[in-house]
Amino acid sequence: MTKQIIITASVFGMLAVIAGAFGAHSLQGSLSARNLDVWHTAVQYQFYHVFALLFLSTVERVKSSNLVAASYCLFTFGIILFSGSLYLLACRDLLGWSWLPMIGPVTPIGGLLFIIGWILLGLAAFRTK
């Protein structure tokens, strides 16, 4: 599973760099300051959880590996839901998708997945001798 975690982290890390550069260079004149802040938040949280995934790859063989595997899934889906929804919401005016604000509730679900992932990682550490 270590290989899978590292591959996932590298893909999300690459996408975070691309999204950050795209936001800084291509979206600067196209998005409002508020929407650029939303975009920046998406990139920031994606990077935080890329580092969390990389950390998970180093502790994957601990006694509570089921908790580590669950954290991996929660961080992965948290990135998709939290950052993914923020990327879309930041670009809703640019895309002209009037229905897009309906995905707003997806963002806190992604945040909740992050929180639970961190709790499970803490439990895994607590259970390790």
Protein backbone atom coordinates (compact mmCIF):
# COMPACT_ATOMS: atom_id res chain seq x y z
CA MET A 1 0.00 0.00 0.00
CA THR A 2 3.00 2.30 0.52
CA LYS A 3 3.53 2.48 -3.24
CA GLN A 4 -0.14 3.35 -3.80
CA ILE A 5 -0.03 6.11 -1.18
CA ILE A 6 3.13 7.64 -2.69
CA ILE A 7 1.68 7.50 -6.22
CA THR A 8 -1.54 9.14 -5.01
CA ALA A 9 0.45 11.83 -3.19
CA SER A 10 2.63 12.49 -6.24
CA VAL A 11 -0.37 12.85 -8.55
CA PHE A 12 -2.18 15.19 -6.13
CA GLY A 13 1.08 17.08 -5.53
CA MET A 14 1.63 17.56 -9.26
CA LEU A 15 -1.97 18.72 -9.69
CA ALA A 16 -1.59 21.15 -6.77
CA VAL A 17 1.47 22.72 -8.38
CA ILE A 18 -0.36 23.00 -11.70
CA ALA A 19 -3.46 24.45 -10.01
CA GLY A 20 -1.36 26.92 -8.03
CA ALA A 21 0.51 28.09 -11.12
CA PHE A 22 -2.69 28.25 -13.14
CA GLY A 23 -4.35 30.33 -10.46
CA ALA A 24 -1.40 32.70 -10.17
CA HIS A 25 -0.76 33.16 -13.87
CA SER A 26 -3.91 32.39 -15.84
CA LEU A 27 -6.81 33.19 -13.53
CA GLN A 28 -5.44 36.45 -12.13
CA GLY A 29 -7.48 38.70 -14.44
CA SER A 30 -10.40 36.33 -14.87
CA LEU A 31 -11.51 35.74 -11.27
CA SER A 32 -12.56 38.17 -8.59
CA ALA A 33 -10.27 38.61 -5.60
CA ARG A 34 -12.73 36.56 -3.53
CA ASN A 35 -12.72 33.69 -6.01
CA LEU A 36 -8.91 33.80 -6.24
CA ASP A 37 -8.85 33.42 -2.45
CA VAL A 38 -11.15 30.40 -2.75
CA TRP A 39 -8.83 28.94 -5.42
CA HIS A 40 -5.82 29.57 -3.16
CA THR A 41 -7.54 27.83 -0.24
CA ALA A 42 -8.18 24.78 -2.44
CA VAL A 43 -4.52 24.63 -3.46
CA GLN A 44 -3.36 25.15 0.12
CA TYR A 45 -5.47 22.34 1.59
CA GLN A 46 -4.57 20.04 -1.27
CA PHE A 47 -0.88 20.56 -0.48
CA TYR A 48 -1.40 20.06 3.25
CA HIS A 49 -2.99 16.71 2.60
CA VAL A 50 -0.40 15.69 0.00
CA PHE A 51 2.13 16.04 2.81
CA ALA A 52 -0.19 14.08 5.10
CA LEU A 53 -0.36 11.30 2.50
CA LEU A 54 3.43 11.26 2.20
CA PHE A 55 3.65 10.96 5.97
CA LEU A 56 1.17 8.08 5.89
CA SER A 57 3.46 6.24 3.49
CA THR A 58 6.14 6.23 6.19
CA VAL A 59 3.90 4.86 8.96
CA GLU A 60 1.87 2.44 6.89
CA ARG A 61 3.43 -0.63 8.48
CA VAL A 62 2.43 0.26 12.02
CA LYS A 63 0.30 -2.05 14.12
CA SER A 64 -2.88 -0.08 13.38
CA SER A 65 -2.45 -0.22 9.60
CA ASN A 66 -6.24 -0.41 9.09
CA LEU A 67 -6.50 3.05 10.64
CA VAL A 68 -3.68 4.30 8.42
CA ALA A 69 -5.42 2.82 5.35
CA ALA A 70 -8.65 4.51 6.39
CA SER A 71 -6.80 7.82 6.82
CA TYR A 72 -5.40 7.37 3.31
CA CYS A 73 -8.90 6.94 1.89
CA LEU A 74 -10.30 9.84 3.89
CA PHE A 75 -7.48 12.22 2.91
CA THR A 76 -7.79 11.17 -0.75
CA PHE A 77 -11.53 11.66 -0.94
CA GLY A 78 -11.23 14.79 1.19
CA ILE A 79 -8.91 16.32 -1.41
CA ILE A 80 -11.32 15.42 -4.19
CA LEU A 81 -14.40 16.76 -2.42
CA PHE A 82 -12.94 19.74 -0.54
CA SER A 83 -10.40 21.11 -2.99
CA GLY A 84 -12.25 19.88 -6.07
CA SER A 85 -15.47 21.62 -5.08
CA LEU A 86 -13.59 24.82 -4.23
CA TYR A 87 -11.85 24.83 -7.61
CA LEU A 88 -15.22 24.53 -9.32
CA LEU A 89 -16.92 27.09 -7.09
CA ALA A 90 -14.10 29.58 -7.66
CA CYS A 91 -14.61 29.26 -11.42
CA ARG A 92 -18.42 29.17 -11.49
CA ASP A 93 -18.74 32.63 -13.09
CA LEU A 94 -15.94 31.91 -15.55
CA LEU A 95 -17.54 28.60 -16.54
CA GLY A 96 -21.04 30.04 -16.67
CA TRP A 97 -22.46 27.05 -14.85
CA SER A 98 -25.42 28.50 -12.98
CA TRP A 99 -26.13 25.18 -11.25
CA LEU A 100 -22.65 25.01 -9.71
CA PRO A 101 -23.48 26.61 -6.32
CA MET A 102 -25.52 23.46 -5.62
CA ILE A 103 -22.24 21.62 -4.96
CA GLY A 104 -21.44 24.00 -2.09
CA PRO A 105 -22.40 21.40 0.56
CA VAL A 106 -19.75 19.05 -0.84
CA THR A 107 -16.96 21.28 0.52
CA PRO A 108 -17.72 20.76 4.23
CA ILE A 109 -18.13 17.02 3.61
CA GLY A 110 -14.58 17.00 2.25
CA GLY A 111 -13.46 18.98 5.29
CA LEU A 112 -15.13 16.45 7.56
CA LEU A 113 -13.26 13.66 5.79
CA PHE A 114 -10.01 15.51 6.49
CA ILE A 115 -10.89 15.84 10.18
CA ILE A 116 -11.82 12.17 10.53
CA GLY A 117 -8.64 11.19 8.68
CA TRP A 118 -6.54 13.15 11.17
CA ILE A 119 -8.44 11.60 14.10
CA LEU A 120 -7.81 8.09 12.76
CA LEU A 121 -4.13 8.89 12.21
CA GLY A 122 -3.94 10.03 15.83
CA LEU A 123 -5.65 6.83 16.98
CA ALA A 124 -3.19 4.76 14.94
CA ALA A 125 -0.30 6.51 16.67
CA PHE A 126 -1.95 6.11 20.07
CA ARG A 127 -2.37 2.36 19.54
CA THR A 128 1.26 1.89 18.44
CA LYS A 129 3.69 0.97 21.17
